[in-house]
PDB file of N, CA and C in Angstrom:
ATOM      1  N   ARG A   1     -20.139   9.293 -72.194  1.00  0.00           N
ATOM      2  CA  ARG A   1     -19.265   9.139 -71.268  1.00  0.00           C
ATOM      3  C   ARG A   1     -20.412   8.752 -69.976  1.00  0.00           C
ATOM      4  N   ILE A   2     -19.881   7.499 -69.779  1.00  0.00           N
ATOM      5  CA  ILE A   2     -20.434   6.751 -68.509  1.00  0.00           C
ATOM      6  C   ILE A   2     -20.014   7.232 -66.938  1.00  0.00           C
ATOM      7  N   ASP A   3     -20.876   7.745 -66.429  1.00  0.00           N
ATOM      8  CA  ASP A   3     -20.650   8.520 -65.400  1.00  0.00           C
ATOM      9  C   ASP A   3     -20.493   7.658 -63.715  1.00  0.00           C
ATOM     10  N   SER A   4     -21.858   6.587 -64.028  1.00  0.00           N
ATOM     11  CA  SER A   4     -21.291   5.896 -63.045  1.00  0.00           C
ATOM     12  C   SER A   4     -21.884   4.577 -63.461  1.00  0.00           C
ATOM     13  N   VAL A   5     -21.373   3.106 -62.421  1.00  0.00           N
ATOM     14  CA  VAL A   5     -22.127   1.947 -62.621  1.00  0.00           C
ATOM     15  C   VAL A   5     -22.080   1.246 -61.638  1.00  0.00           C
ATOM     16  N   THR A   6     -23.479   0.378 -61.198  1.00  0.00           N
ATOM     17  CA  THR A   6     -24.086  -0.457 -59.611  1.00  0.00           C
ATOM     18  C   THR A   6     -23.888  -1.817 -60.019  1.00  0.00           C
ATOM     19  N   VAL A   7     -23.397  -2.490 -59.284  1.00  0.00           N
ATOM     20  CA  VAL A   7     -23.941  -4.020 -59.734  1.00  0.00           C
ATOM     21  C   VAL A   7     -23.977  -4.795 -58.415  1.00  0.00           C
ATOM     22  N   ASP A   8     -25.489  -5.011 -57.947  1.00  0.00           N
ATOM     23  CA  ASP A   8     -26.386  -5.741 -57.502  1.00  0.00           C
ATOM     24  C   ASP A   8     -26.540  -7.065 -57.300  1.00  0.00           C
ATOM     25  N   PHE A   9     -26.352  -7.560 -56.250  1.00  0.00           N
ATOM     26  CA  PHE A   9     -26.836  -8.740 -56.358  1.00  0.00           C
ATOM     27  C   PHE A   9     -27.444  -9.350 -55.109  1.00  0.00           C
ATOM     28  N   ASP A  10     -28.801  -9.981 -55.346  1.00  0.00           N
ATOM     29  CA  ASP A  10     -29.918 -10.536 -54.347  1.00  0.00           C
ATOM     30  C   ASP A  10     -30.045 -11.942 -54.337  1.00  0.00           C
ATOM     31  N   ILE A  11     -29.703 -12.431 -53.234  1.00  0.00           N
ATOM     32  CA  ILE A  11     -30.098 -13.749 -53.146  1.00  0.00           C
ATOM     33  C   ILE A  11     -31.289 -14.013 -52.808  1.00  0.00           C
ATOM     34  N   ILE A  12     -32.361 -14.987 -54.082  1.00  0.00           N
ATOM     35  CA  ILE A  12     -33.717 -14.542 -54.127  1.00  0.00           C
ATOM     36  C   ILE A  12     -34.587 -15.988 -53.249  1.00  0.00           C
ATOM     37  N   GLY A  13     -33.572 -17.095 -53.296  1.00  0.00           N
ATOM     38  CA  GLY A  13     -34.067 -18.256 -52.701  1.00  0.00           C
ATOM     39  C   GLY A  13     -32.867 -19.219 -52.829  1.00  0.00           C
ATOM     40  N   ASP A  14     -33.550 -20.535 -52.492  1.00  0.00           N
ATOM     41  CA  ASP A  14     -31.935 -21.551 -52.535  1.00  0.00           C
ATOM     42  C   ASP A  14     -31.561 -21.652 -53.607  1.00  0.00           C
ATOM     43  N   GLY A  15     -30.483 -21.277 -53.941  1.00  0.00           N
ATOM     44  CA  GLY A  15     -29.834 -21.588 -55.589  1.00  0.00           C
ATOM     45  C   GLY A  15     -30.259 -20.378 -56.554  1.00  0.00           C
ATOM     46  N   GLU A  16     -30.862 -19.065 -56.211  1.00  0.00           N
ATOM     47  CA  GLU A  16     -30.957 -18.168 -56.871  1.00  0.00           C
ATOM     48  C   GLU A  16     -30.374 -17.228 -56.791  1.00  0.00           C
ATOM     49  N   ILE A  17     -29.866 -16.026 -57.788  1.00  0.00           N
ATOM     50  CA  ILE A  17     -29.264 -14.900 -57.415  1.00  0.00           C
ATOM     51  C   ILE A  17     -29.973 -14.036 -58.618  1.00  0.00           C
ATOM     52  N   ARG A  18     -30.379 -12.901 -57.999  1.00  0.00           N
ATOM     53  CA  ARG A  18     -30.910 -11.736 -59.091  1.00  0.00           C
ATOM     54  C   ARG A  18     -29.664 -10.869 -59.008  1.00  0.00           C
ATOM     55  N   VAL A  19     -29.056 -10.395 -60.277  1.00  0.00           N
ATOM     56  CA  VAL A  19     -28.098  -9.543 -60.696  1.00  0.00           C
ATOM     57  C   VAL A  19     -28.689  -8.520 -61.436  1.00  0.00           C
ATOM     58  N   ARG A  20     -28.222  -6.892 -60.768  1.00  0.00           N
ATOM     59  CA  ARG A  20     -29.046  -5.803 -61.363  1.00  0.00           C
ATOM     60  C   ARG A  20     -28.066  -4.846 -61.522  1.00  0.00           C
ATOM     61  N   ALA A  21     -27.862  -4.438 -62.631  1.00  0.00           N
ATOM     62  CA  ALA A  21     -27.024  -3.226 -63.173  1.00  0.00           C
ATOM     63  C   ALA A  21     -27.670  -1.818 -63.302  1.00  0.00           C
ATOM     64  N   THR A  22     -27.162  -0.961 -62.606  1.00  0.00           N
ATOM     65  CA  THR A  22     -28.129   0.535 -63.209  1.00  0.00           C
ATOM     66  C   THR A  22     -26.408   1.461 -63.223  1.00  0.00           C
ATOM     67  N   VAL A  23     -27.242   2.109 -64.781  1.00  0.00           N
ATOM     68  CA  VAL A  23     -25.204   2.265 -65.482  1.00  0.00           C
ATOM     69  C   VAL A  23     -26.126   3.952 -65.717  1.00  0.00           C
ATOM     70  N   ALA A  24     -25.247   5.414 -65.278  1.00  0.00           N
ATOM     71  CA  ALA A  24     -25.864   6.374 -65.287  1.00  0.00           C
ATOM     72  C   ALA A  24     -24.764   7.061 -66.594  1.00  0.00           C
ATOM     73  N   ALA A  25     -25.301   8.179 -67.195  1.00  0.00           N
ATOM     74  CA  ALA A  25     -24.557   8.775 -67.916  1.00  0.00           C
ATOM     75  C   ALA A  25     -25.195  10.332 -68.450  1.00  0.00           C
ATOM     76  N   THR A  26     -24.467  11.085 -68.661  1.00  0.00           N
ATOM     77  CA  THR A  26     -24.533  12.831 -68.784  1.00  0.00           C
ATOM     78  C   THR A  26     -24.991  12.843 -70.111  1.00  0.00           C
ATOM     79  N   ASP A  27     -24.060  12.220 -71.213  1.00  0.00           N
ATOM     80  CA  ASP A  27     -24.600  12.229 -72.461  1.00  0.00           C
ATOM     81  C   ASP A  27     -25.963  11.541 -73.219  1.00  0.00           C
ATOM     82  N   ARG A  28     -26.683  12.558 -73.884  1.00  0.00           N
ATOM     83  CA  ARG A  28     -28.084  11.955 -74.518  1.00  0.00           C
ATOM     84  C   ARG A  28     -27.656  10.819 -75.156  1.00  0.00           C
ATOM     85  N   THR A  29     -27.233   9.557 -74.818  1.00  0.00           N
ATOM     86  CA  THR A  29     -27.343   8.442 -75.461  1.00  0.00           C
ATOM     87  C   THR A  29     -27.535   7.716 -74.194  1.00  0.00           C
ATOM     88  N   GLY A  30     -28.457   6.106 -75.023  1.00  0.00           N
ATOM     89  CA  GLY A  30     -28.701   5.094 -73.924  1.00  0.00           C
ATOM     90  C   GLY A  30     -26.971   4.528 -73.893  1.00  0.00           C
ATOM     91  N   VAL A  31     -27.380   4.081 -72.696  1.00  0.00           N
ATOM     92  CA  VAL A  31     -26.339   2.952 -71.751  1.00  0.00           C
ATOM     93  C   VAL A  31     -26.976   1.819 -71.356  1.00  0.00           C
ATOM     94  N   GLU A  32     -28.292   1.229 -72.303  1.00  0.00           N
ATOM     95  CA  GLU A  32     -28.584  -0.059 -72.174  1.00  0.00           C
ATOM     96  C   GLU A  32     -27.875  -1.128 -72.421  1.00  0.00           C
ATOM     97  N   MET A  33     -26.980  -1.110 -73.313  1.00  0.00           N
ATOM     98  CA  MET A  33     -26.228  -2.359 -73.530  1.00  0.00           C
ATOM     99  C   MET A  33     -25.115  -2.256 -72.691  1.00  0.00           C
ATOM    100  N   GLU A  34     -24.364  -1.341 -71.860  1.00  0.00           N
ATOM    101  CA  GLU A  34     -23.251  -1.225 -71.176  1.00  0.00           C
ATOM    102  C   GLU A  34     -24.287  -1.930 -70.030  1.00  0.00           C
ATOM    103  N   ALA A  35     -25.152  -1.640 -69.338  1.00  0.00           N
ATOM    104  CA  ALA A  35     -26.138  -2.419 -68.581  1.00  0.00           C
ATOM    105  C   ALA A  35     -26.293  -4.004 -68.850  1.00  0.00           C
ATOM    106  N   MET A  36     -26.638  -4.110 -69.738  1.00  0.00           N
ATOM    107  CA  MET A  36     -26.756  -5.633 -70.214  1.00  0.00           C
ATOM    108  C   MET A  36     -25.251  -6.415 -69.950  1.00  0.00           C
ATOM    109  N   THR A  37     -24.692  -5.359 -70.563  1.00  0.00           N
ATOM    110  CA  THR A  37     -23.037  -6.216 -70.662  1.00  0.00           C
ATOM    111  C   THR A  37     -22.991  -6.657 -69.335  1.00  0.00           C
ATOM    112  N   ALA A  38     -22.494  -5.354 -68.089  1.00  0.00           N
ATOM    113  CA  ALA A  38     -22.686  -5.274 -66.712  1.00  0.00           C
ATOM    114  C   ALA A  38     -23.121  -6.996 -65.763  1.00  0.00           C
ATOM    115  N   VAL A  39     -24.563  -7.060 -66.470  1.00  0.00           N
ATOM    116  CA  VAL A  39     -25.418  -8.120 -65.736  1.00  0.00           C
ATOM    117  C   VAL A  39     -24.487  -9.695 -66.223  1.00  0.00           C
ATOM    118  N   SER A  40     -24.731  -9.453 -67.545  1.00  0.00           N
ATOM    119  CA  SER A  40     -23.775 -10.886 -68.520  1.00  0.00           C
ATOM    120  C   SER A  40     -22.687 -11.202 -67.929  1.00  0.00           C
ATOM    121  N   ILE A  41     -21.803 -10.308 -67.573  1.00  0.00           N
ATOM    122  CA  ILE A  41     -20.193 -10.548 -66.956  1.00  0.00           C
ATOM    123  C   ILE A  41     -20.634 -11.061 -65.882  1.00  0.00           C
ATOM    124  N   ALA A  42     -21.452 -10.309 -64.813  1.00  0.00           N
ATOM    125  CA  ALA A  42     -21.567 -10.503 -63.539  1.00  0.00           C
ATOM    126  C   ALA A  42     -21.808 -12.216 -63.430  1.00  0.00           C
ATOM    127  N   ALA A  43     -22.904 -12.393 -64.073  1.00  0.00           N
ATOM    128  CA  ALA A  43     -23.956 -13.659 -64.055  1.00  0.00           C
ATOM    129  C   ALA A  43     -23.120 -14.889 -64.438  1.00  0.00           C
ATOM    130  N   LEU A  44     -22.023 -14.554 -65.358  1.00  0.00           N
ATOM    131  CA  LEU A  44     -20.899 -15.281 -65.664  1.00  0.00           C
ATOM    132  C   LEU A  44     -19.982 -15.755 -64.813  1.00  0.00           C
ATOM    133  N   THR A  45     -19.713 -14.305 -64.180  1.00  0.00           N
ATOM    134  CA  THR A  45     -18.182 -14.656 -63.161  1.00  0.00           C
ATOM    135  C   THR A  45     -19.124 -15.625 -61.874  1.00  0.00           C
ATOM    136  N   VAL A  46     -20.418 -15.520 -61.680  1.00  0.00           N
ATOM    137  CA  VAL A  46     -20.761 -16.156 -60.331  1.00  0.00           C
ATOM    138  C   VAL A  46     -21.416 -17.496 -60.829  1.00  0.00           C
ATOM    139  N   TYR A  47     -21.474 -17.967 -62.630  1.00  0.00           N
ATOM    140  CA  TYR A  47     -21.172 -19.522 -62.963  1.00  0.00           C
ATOM    141  C   TYR A  47     -19.889 -19.919 -62.715  1.00  0.00           C
ATOM    142  N   ASP A  48     -18.890 -19.179 -62.929  1.00  0.00           N
ATOM    143  CA  ASP A  48     -17.690 -19.778 -63.143  1.00  0.00           C
ATOM    144  C   ASP A  48     -17.183 -20.115 -61.672  1.00  0.00           C
ATOM    145  N   MET A  49     -17.747 -19.213 -60.857  1.00  0.00           N
ATOM    146  CA  MET A  49     -17.308 -19.519 -59.416  1.00  0.00           C
ATOM    147  C   MET A  49     -17.965 -20.770 -58.562  1.00  0.00           C
ATOM    148  N   CYS A  50     -19.127 -20.935 -59.135  1.00  0.00           N
ATOM    149  CA  CYS A  50     -19.950 -22.222 -58.651  1.00  0.00           C
ATOM    150  C   CYS A  50     -20.272 -23.187 -59.577  1.00  0.00           C
ATOM    151  N   LYS A  51     -19.213 -23.087 -60.633  1.00  0.00           N
ATOM    152  CA  LYS A  51     -19.484 -24.468 -61.674  1.00  0.00           C
ATOM    153  C   LYS A  51     -19.032 -25.640 -60.794  1.00  0.00           C
ATOM    154  N   SER A  52     -18.176 -25.954 -60.290  1.00  0.00           N
ATOM    155  CA  SER A  52     -17.450 -26.906 -59.458  1.00  0.00           C
ATOM    156  C   SER A  52     -18.311 -27.513 -59.027  1.00  0.00           C
ATOM    157  N   ALA A  53     -19.365 -26.738 -58.303  1.00  0.00           N
ATOM    158  CA  ALA A  53     -20.162 -27.325 -57.126  1.00  0.00           C
ATOM    159  C   ALA A  53     -21.580 -27.904 -57.756  1.00  0.00           C
ATOM    160  N   ASP A  54     -21.666 -26.999 -59.286  1.00  0.00           N
ATOM    161  CA  ASP A  54     -23.283 -27.869 -60.098  1.00  0.00           C
ATOM    162  C   ASP A  54     -23.089 -27.000 -61.446  1.00  0.00           C
ATOM    163  N   ARG A  55     -22.541 -27.741 -62.328  1.00  0.00           N
ATOM    164  CA  ARG A  55     -22.740 -27.722 -63.552  1.00  0.00           C
ATOM    165  C   ARG A  55     -24.032 -27.584 -64.368  1.00  0.00           C
ATOM    166  N   SER A  56     -25.080 -27.725 -63.479  1.00  0.00           N
ATOM    167  CA  SER A  56     -26.489 -27.267 -64.211  1.00  0.00           C
ATOM    168  C   SER A  56     -26.900 -26.124 -63.877  1.00  0.00           C
ATOM    169  N   ILE A  57     -25.668 -25.138 -63.558  1.00  0.00           N
ATOM    170  CA  ILE A  57     -26.412 -23.239 -63.205  1.00  0.00           C
ATOM    171  C   ILE A  57     -27.090 -22.471 -64.657  1.00  0.00           C
ATOM    172  N   ARG A  58     -27.895 -21.985 -64.329  1.00  0.00           N
ATOM    173  CA  ARG A  58     -28.013 -21.396 -65.767  1.00  0.00           C
ATOM    174  C   ARG A  58     -28.266 -20.179 -65.445  1.00  0.00           C
ATOM    175  N   ILE A  59     -27.940 -19.300 -66.470  1.00  0.00           N
ATOM    176  CA  ILE A  59     -28.407 -17.815 -66.513  1.00  0.00           C
ATOM    177  C   ILE A  59     -29.698 -17.612 -67.507  1.00  0.00           C
ATOM    178  N   ASP A  60     -30.513 -16.998 -66.450  1.00  0.00           N
ATOM    179  CA  ASP A  60     -31.711 -16.831 -67.042  1.00  0.00           C
ATOM    180  C   ASP A  60     -32.772 -15.456 -67.538  1.00  0.00           C
ATOM    181  N   ASN A  61     -33.301 -15.211 -68.266  1.00  0.00           N
ATOM    182  CA  ASN A  61     -34.177 -14.118 -67.840  1.00  0.00           C
ATOM    183  C   ASN A  61     -33.539 -12.653 -68.103  1.00  0.00           C
ATOM    184  N   LEU A  62     -32.318 -12.264 -69.190  1.00  0.00           N
ATOM    185  CA  LEU A  62     -31.371 -11.317 -69.134  1.00  0.00           C
ATOM    186  C   LEU A  62     -32.305 -10.640 -70.041  1.00  0.00           C
ATOM    187  N   ARG A  63     -32.476  -9.324 -69.045  1.00  0.00           N
ATOM    188  CA  ARG A  63     -33.240  -8.074 -69.670  1.00  0.00           C
ATOM    189  C   ARG A  63     -33.670  -6.586 -69.615  1.00  0.00           C
ATOM    190  N   LEU A  64     -33.924  -5.770 -69.994  1.00  0.00           N
ATOM    191  CA  LEU A  64     -33.816  -4.558 -69.808  1.00  0.00           C
ATOM    192  C   LEU A  64     -35.261  -4.508 -68.921  1.00  0.00           C
ATOM    193  N   ASP A  65     -35.052  -3.503 -67.969  1.00  0.00           N
ATOM    194  CA  ASP A  65     -36.387  -3.267 -66.877  1.00  0.00           C
ATOM    195  C   ASP A  65     -37.076  -1.952 -67.238  1.00  0.00           C
ATOM    196  N   LEU A  66     -35.769  -1.278 -67.082  1.00  0.00           N
ATOM    197  CA  LEU A  66     -36.479   0.315 -66.883  1.00  0.00           C
ATOM    198  C   LEU A  66     -35.023   0.760 -67.937  1.00  0.00           C
ATOM    199  N   LYS A  67     -35.605   2.330 -68.068  1.00  0.00           N
ATOM    200  CA  LYS A  67     -34.310   2.939 -68.759  1.00  0.00           C
ATOM    201  C   LYS A  67     -35.170   4.672 -68.480  1.00  0.00           C
ATOM    202  N   SER A  68     -34.109   5.147 -68.376  1.00  0.00           N
ATOM    203  CA  SER A  68     -35.035   6.835 -68.509  1.00  0.00           C
ATOM    204  C   SER A  68     -34.072   7.690 -69.186  1.00  0.00           C
ATOM    205  N   GLY A  69     -34.306   8.902 -69.671  1.00  0.00           N
ATOM    206  CA  GLY A  69     -33.448   9.638 -70.769  1.00  0.00           C
ATOM    207  C   GLY A  69     -32.895   9.031 -71.866  1.00  0.00           C
ATOM    208  N   GLY A  70     -32.158  10.097 -72.614  1.00  0.00           N
ATOM    209  CA  GLY A  70     -31.742   9.895 -73.844  1.00  0.00           C
ATOM    210  C   GLY A  70     -32.724  10.364 -74.654  1.00  0.00           C
ATOM    211  N   LYS A  71     -32.382   9.572 -76.055  1.00  0.00           N
ATOM    212  CA  LYS A  71     -32.813  10.246 -77.153  1.00  0.00           C
ATOM    213  C   LYS A  71     -34.644   9.863 -77.143  1.00  0.00           C
ATOM    214  N   SER A  72     -34.640   8.792 -76.583  1.00  0.00           N
ATOM    215  CA  SER A  72     -36.066   7.882 -76.660  1.00  0.00           C
ATOM    216  C   SER A  72     -36.818   8.284 -75.507  1.00  0.00           C
ATOM    217  N   GLY A  73     -36.165   8.566 -74.844  1.00  0.00           N
ATOM    218  CA  GLY A  73     -36.858   8.688 -73.411  1.00  0.00           C
ATOM    219  C   GLY A  73     -37.372   7.828 -72.396  1.00  0.00           C
ATOM    220  N   ASN A  74     -38.180   7.470 -71.476  1.00  0.00           N
ATOM    221  CA  ASN A  74     -38.068   6.362 -70.747  1.00  0.00           C
ATOM    222  C   ASN A  74     -39.017   5.854 -71.215  1.00  0.00           C
ATOM    223  N   TRP A  75     -38.832   4.504 -70.492  1.00  0.00           N
ATOM    224  CA  TRP A  75     -39.412   3.218 -70.899  1.00  0.00           C
ATOM    225  C   TRP A  75     -39.515   2.072 -69.534  1.00  0.00           C
ATOM    226  N   GLN A  76     -40.442   0.993 -69.496  1.00  0.00           N
ATOM    227  CA  GLN A  76     -40.673   0.595 -68.547  1.00  0.00           C
ATOM    228  C   GLN A  76     -41.396  -0.932 -68.673  1.00  0.00           C
ATOM    229  N   ARG A  77     -40.358  -1.682 -68.453  1.00  0.00           N
ATOM    230  CA  ARG A  77     -40.915  -3.351 -68.815  1.00  0.00           C
ATOM    231  C   ARG A  77     -42.349  -3.147 -68.554  1.00  0.00           C
ATOM    232  N   PRO A  78     -43.752  -3.942 -68.966  1.00  0.00           N
ATOM    233  CA  PRO A  78     -44.956  -3.892 -68.422  1.00  0.00           C
ATOM    234  C   PRO A  78     -44.601  -4.915 -66.999  1.00  0.00           C
ATOM    235  N   ALA A  79     -45.647  -4.881 -66.427  1.00  0.00           N
ATOM    236  CA  ALA A  79     -46.207  -5.949 -65.271  1.00  0.00           C
ATOM    237  C   ALA A  79     -46.708  -7.002 -65.825  1.00  0.00           C
ATOM    238  N   ALA A  80     -46.250  -8.148 -65.307  1.00  0.00           N
ATOM    239  CA  ALA A  80     -46.432  -9.707 -65.803  1.00  0.00           C
ATOM    240  C   ALA A  80     -47.526  -9.704 -65.188  1.00  0.00           C
ATOM    241  N   THR A  81     -48.610 -10.260 -66.216  1.00  0.00           N
ATOM    242  CA  THR A  81     -50.071 -10.274 -65.619  1.00  0.00           C
ATOM    243  C   THR A  81     -50.068 -12.195 -65.596  1.00  0.00           C
TER     244      THR A  81
END
């Protein structure tokens, strides 16, 4: 059971938007796929709204950065070197 979902948008620079989803659940199961789906749908929605202005829009770097709890415990993407 999912308790909450938030989707945040950050304007990074000229023509770049960061989409971040946070999903919380009480059950001891991961919700990574739900978070990745939320980000994907949000990014596709932005694409759909902006495609008339620029057809070369890309959706890049869809990835999991951090998870906590669940059966497998905590995980964080290592910092880029």
